[in-house]
C-alpha atoms as a PDB file:
ATOM      1  CA  UNK A   1      -0.004   0.009  -0.003  1.00  0.00           C
ATOM      2  CA  UNK A   2       1.276   3.460  -0.937  1.00  0.00           C
ATOM      3  CA  UNK A   3       1.942   5.651   2.126  1.00  0.00           C
ATOM      4  CA  UNK A   4      -0.412   8.411   0.926  1.00  0.00           C
ATOM      5  CA  UNK A   5      -3.272   5.882   0.920  1.00  0.00           C
ATOM      6  CA  UNK A   6      -2.743   5.564   4.700  1.00  0.00           C
ATOM      7  CA  UNK A   7      -3.337   9.296   5.294  1.00  0.00           C
ATOM      8  CA  UNK A   8      -6.501   9.611   7.397  1.00  0.00           C
ATOM      9  CA  UNK A   9      -8.112  12.844   8.555  1.00  0.00           C
ATOM     10  CA  UNK A  10      -8.042  12.870  12.358  1.00  0.00           C
ATOM     11  CA  UNK A  11      -4.884  10.765  12.653  1.00  0.00           C
ATOM     12  CA  UNK A  12      -2.447  12.401  15.047  1.00  0.00           C
ATOM     13  CA  UNK A  13       0.846  12.074  16.904  1.00  0.00           C
ATOM     14  CA  UNK A  14       2.247  13.707  20.034  1.00  0.00           C
ATOM     15  CA  UNK A  15       5.810  14.804  20.781  1.00  0.00           C
ATOM     16  CA  UNK A  16       6.958  16.162  24.175  1.00  0.00           C
ATOM     17  CA  UNK A  17      10.245  17.680  25.268  1.00  0.00           C
ATOM     18  CA  UNK A  18      11.442  19.702  28.210  1.00  0.00           C
ATOM     19  CA  UNK A  19      13.394  22.738  26.976  1.00  0.00           C
ATOM     20  CA  UNK A  20      16.821  22.746  28.579  1.00  0.00           C
ATOM     21  CA  UNK A  21      19.507  25.358  28.937  1.00  0.00           C
ATOM     22  CA  UNK A  22      21.634  23.470  26.405  1.00  0.00           C
ATOM     23  CA  UNK A  23      18.777  23.424  23.852  1.00  0.00           C
ATOM     24  CA  UNK A  24      18.598  27.211  23.895  1.00  0.00           C
ATOM     25  CA  UNK A  25      22.372  27.764  23.753  1.00  0.00           C
ATOM     26  CA  UNK A  26      22.990  25.165  21.051  1.00  0.00           C
ATOM     27  CA  UNK A  27      20.133  26.579  18.960  1.00  0.00           C
ATOM     28  CA  UNK A  28      21.492  30.113  19.486  1.00  0.00           C
ATOM     29  CA  UNK A  29      24.928  29.000  18.357  1.00  0.00           C
ATOM     30  CA  UNK A  30      23.663  27.116  15.304  1.00  0.00           C
ATOM     31  CA  UNK A  31      21.431  29.955  14.120  1.00  0.00           C
ATOM     32  CA  UNK A  32      23.533  32.903  15.309  1.00  0.00           C
ATOM     33  CA  UNK A  33      20.533  34.321  17.194  1.00  0.00           C
ATOM     34  CA  UNK A  34      22.260  35.384  20.406  1.00  0.00           C
ATOM     35  CA  UNK A  35      19.692  38.020  21.289  1.00  0.00           C
ATOM     36  CA  UNK A  36      19.518  38.880  24.983  1.00  0.00           C
ATOM     37  CA  UNK A  37      15.944  37.583  25.059  1.00  0.00           C
ATOM     38  CA  UNK A  38      17.409  34.079  24.714  1.00  0.00           C
ATOM     39  CA  UNK A  39      20.827  34.237  26.400  1.00  0.00           C
ATOM     40  CA  UNK A  40      20.914  37.027  29.007  1.00  0.00           C
ATOM     41  CA  UNK A  41      19.059  36.160  32.221  1.00  0.00           C
ATOM     42  CA  UNK A  42      19.910  39.486  33.887  1.00  0.00           C
ATOM     43  CA  UNK A  43      18.653  41.588  30.996  1.00  0.00           C
ATOM     44  CA  UNK A  44      15.397  39.646  30.895  1.00  0.00           C
ATOM     45  CA  UNK A  45      14.876  39.850  34.670  1.00  0.00           C
ATOM     46  CA  UNK A  46      13.763  43.470  34.251  1.00  0.00           C
ATOM     47  CA  UNK A  47      11.132  42.680  31.608  1.00  0.00           C
ATOM     48  CA  UNK A  48       7.533  41.576  31.990  1.00  0.00           C
ATOM     49  CA  UNK A  49       8.701  37.998  31.306  1.00  0.00           C
ATOM     50  CA  UNK A  50      11.220  38.041  34.130  1.00  0.00           C
ATOM     51  CA  UNK A  51      13.481  35.437  32.491  1.00  0.00           C
ATOM     52  CA  UNK A  52      14.848  34.203  29.184  1.00  0.00           C
ATOM     53  CA  UNK A  53      12.583  32.958  26.401  1.00  0.00           C
ATOM     54  CA  UNK A  54      13.410  30.041  24.116  1.00  0.00           C
ATOM     55  CA  UNK A  55      13.533  30.774  20.406  1.00  0.00           C
ATOM     56  CA  UNK A  56      10.125  30.515  18.735  1.00  0.00           C
ATOM     57  CA  UNK A  57      11.716  28.677  15.853  1.00  0.00           C
ATOM     58  CA  UNK A  58      12.966  26.042  18.322  1.00  0.00           C
ATOM     59  CA  UNK A  59       9.277  25.312  18.970  1.00  0.00           C
ATOM     60  CA  UNK A  60       8.759  25.033  15.198  1.00  0.00           C
ATOM     61  CA  UNK A  61      11.585  22.486  15.278  1.00  0.00           C
ATOM     62  CA  UNK A  62       9.532  20.447  17.750  1.00  0.00           C
ATOM     63  CA  UNK A  63       6.625  20.712  15.273  1.00  0.00           C
ATOM     64  CA  UNK A  64       8.927  19.355  12.583  1.00  0.00           C
ATOM     65  CA  UNK A  65       9.797  16.413  14.814  1.00  0.00           C
ATOM     66  CA  UNK A  66       6.083  15.654  15.157  1.00  0.00           C
ATOM     67  CA  UNK A  67       5.655  15.767  11.361  1.00  0.00           C
ATOM     68  CA  UNK A  68       8.521  13.291  11.002  1.00  0.00           C
ATOM     69  CA  UNK A  69       6.806  11.048  13.539  1.00  0.00           C
ATOM     70  CA  UNK A  70       3.672  11.146  11.371  1.00  0.00           C
ATOM     71  CA  UNK A  71       5.685  10.225   8.275  1.00  0.00           C
ATOM     72  CA  UNK A  72       7.258   7.329  10.173  1.00  0.00           C
ATOM     73  CA  UNK A  73       3.828   6.199  11.359  1.00  0.00           C
ATOM     74  CA  UNK A  74       2.480   6.173   7.809  1.00  0.00           C
ATOM     75  CA  UNK A  75       5.600   4.733   6.197  1.00  0.00           C
ATOM     76  CA  UNK A  76       6.910   5.785   2.821  1.00  0.00           C
ATOM     77  CA  UNK A  77       8.521   9.062   1.914  1.00  0.00           C
ATOM     78  CA  UNK A  78       7.156  12.561   2.413  1.00  0.00           C
ATOM     79  CA  UNK A  79       8.740  15.992   2.669  1.00  0.00           C
ATOM     80  CA  UNK A  80       7.641  19.230   4.264  1.00  0.00           C
ATOM     81  CA  UNK A  81       5.873  21.476   1.801  1.00  0.00           C
ATOM     82  CA  UNK A  82       5.887  24.244   4.366  1.00  0.00           C
ATOM     83  CA  UNK A  83       4.291  25.859   7.396  1.00  0.00           C
ATOM     84  CA  UNK A  84       1.541  28.451   7.177  1.00  0.00           C
ATOM     85  CA  UNK A  85       0.026  30.701   9.821  1.00  0.00           C
ATOM     86  CA  UNK A  86       2.748  30.106  12.413  1.00  0.00           C
ATOM     87  CA  UNK A  87       1.932  32.013  15.586  1.00  0.00           C
ATOM     88  CA  UNK A  88       3.853  32.216  18.862  1.00  0.00           C
ATOM     89  CA  UNK A  89       0.962  32.673  21.302  1.00  0.00           C
ATOM     90  CA  UNK A  90       2.889  32.529  24.616  1.00  0.00           C
ATOM     91  CA  UNK A  91       6.569  32.438  25.522  1.00  0.00           C
ATOM     92  CA  UNK A  92       8.370  29.167  26.131  1.00  0.00           C
ATOM     93  CA  UNK A  93      10.792  29.336  29.050  1.00  0.00           C
ATOM     94  CA  UNK A  94      13.776  27.180  29.899  1.00  0.00           C
ATOM     95  CA  UNK A  95      12.387  24.306  31.956  1.00  0.00           C
ATOM     96  CA  UNK A  96       8.992  24.270  30.226  1.00  0.00           C
ATOM     97  CA  UNK A  97       7.805  20.956  28.818  1.00  0.00           C
ATOM     98  CA  UNK A  98       6.334  21.486  25.371  1.00  0.00           C
ATOM     99  CA  UNK A  99       3.918  18.939  23.886  1.00  0.00           C
ATOM    100  CA  UNK A 100       3.120  19.165  20.194  1.00  0.00           C
ATOM    101  CA  UNK A 101      -0.072  17.665  18.797  1.00  0.00           C
ATOM    102  CA  UNK A 102       0.136  17.116  15.056  1.00  0.00           C
ATOM    103  CA  UNK A 103      -3.232  16.199  13.504  1.00  0.00           C
ATOM    104  CA  UNK A 104      -4.117  15.596   9.870  1.00  0.00           C
ATOM    105  CA  UNK A 105      -7.081  17.810   8.993  1.00  0.00           C
ATOM    106  CA  UNK A 106      -7.284  17.517   5.208  1.00  0.00           C
ATOM    107  CA  UNK A 107      -6.205  15.323   2.296  1.00  0.00           C
ATOM    108  CA  UNK A 108      -5.387  16.951  -1.045  1.00  0.00           C
ATOM    109  CA  UNK A 109      -5.652  13.822  -3.160  1.00  0.00           C
ATOM    110  CA  UNK A 110      -4.737  15.311  -6.563  1.00  0.00           C
ATOM    111  CA  UNK A 111      -1.575  16.874  -5.119  1.00  0.00           C
ATOM    112  CA  UNK A 112      -0.681  13.955  -2.791  1.00  0.00           C
ATOM    113  CA  UNK A 113      -0.568  16.343   0.166  1.00  0.00           C
ATOM    114  CA  UNK A 114      -1.805  16.183   3.726  1.00  0.00           C
ATOM    115  CA  UNK A 115      -2.632  19.329   5.669  1.00  0.00           C
ATOM    116  CA  UNK A 116      -2.270  19.251   9.440  1.00  0.00           C
ATOM    117  CA  UNK A 117      -3.132  21.443  12.398  1.00  0.00           C
ATOM    118  CA  UNK A 118      -0.189  21.743  14.758  1.00  0.00           C
ATOM    119  CA  UNK A 119      -0.488  22.984  18.321  1.00  0.00           C
ATOM    120  CA  UNK A 120       2.191  23.248  20.975  1.00  0.00           C
ATOM    121  CA  UNK A 121       1.215  23.476  24.644  1.00  0.00           C
ATOM    122  CA  UNK A 122       3.262  23.894  27.795  1.00  0.00           C
ATOM    123  CA  UNK A 123       3.028  21.789  30.951  1.00  0.00           C
ATOM    124  CA  UNK A 124       0.180  24.009  32.196  1.00  0.00           C
ATOM    125  CA  UNK A 125      -1.929  23.161  29.124  1.00  0.00           C
ATOM    126  CA  UNK A 126      -1.485  26.675  27.701  1.00  0.00           C
ATOM    127  CA  UNK A 127      -1.092  26.997  23.950  1.00  0.00           C
ATOM    128  CA  UNK A 128       2.355  28.413  23.161  1.00  0.00           C
ATOM    129  CA  UNK A 129       2.422  28.066  19.371  1.00  0.00           C
ATOM    130  CA  UNK A 130       0.190  27.031  16.487  1.00  0.00           C
ATOM    131  CA  UNK A 131       0.702  26.379  12.777  1.00  0.00           C
ATOM    132  CA  UNK A 132      -0.674  24.719   9.701  1.00  0.00           C
ATOM    133  CA  UNK A 133       1.685  22.236   8.032  1.00  0.00           C
ATOM    134  CA  UNK A 134       1.635  20.563   4.640  1.00  0.00           C
ATOM    135  CA  UNK A 135       3.290  17.244   3.880  1.00  0.00           C
ATOM    136  CA  UNK A 136       4.044  16.311   0.281  1.00  0.00           C
ATOM    137  CA  UNK A 137       3.999  12.546  -0.250  1.00  0.00           C
ATOM    138  CA  UNK A 138       6.297  11.179  -2.919  1.00  0.00           C
ATOM    139  CA  UNK A 139       5.001   8.491  -5.262  1.00  0.00           C
ATOM    140  CA  UNK A 140       6.374   5.045  -4.454  1.00  0.00           C
ATOM    141  CA  UNK A 141       9.540   4.231  -6.392  1.00  0.00           C
ATOM    142  CA  UNK A 142       9.926   7.561  -8.205  1.00  0.00           C
ATOM    143  CA  UNK A 143      12.057   9.504  -5.749  1.00  0.00           C
ATOM    144  CA  UNK A 144      10.427  12.791  -6.759  1.00  0.00           C
ATOM    145  CA  UNK A 145       7.278  14.781  -6.040  1.00  0.00           C
ATOM    146  CA  UNK A 146       4.194  14.366  -8.190  1.00  0.00           C
END
């Protein structure tokens, strides 16, 4: 069975991770985003947040992990066609545990794409980020998109 045939609206996966100090510093180093918001505890102490905030794009990375989990669940080969409507609703702090729910909401049969709603919540159940994601499924044996 082709992996796209397994795509079912309502199917979902969950991914959870506690954001550590090393996650923020490694991400800052890789991306070059060393803004005080992320790496300077003292500077952030005087703000309304009171402490450092993890990079929003790090949370999008967790969303990407969830999409990969969905691909693995379905089998076959798919690639990210992109994220739409990404919103960072609340800050993610070092020590927060973020859980991403990745749920297929639509099948685009002619294009071999699956559209998913992605929501990240912290350990308090508060939404911290949302997005819409599109997976492009590759036809079996061709190695390229339809």
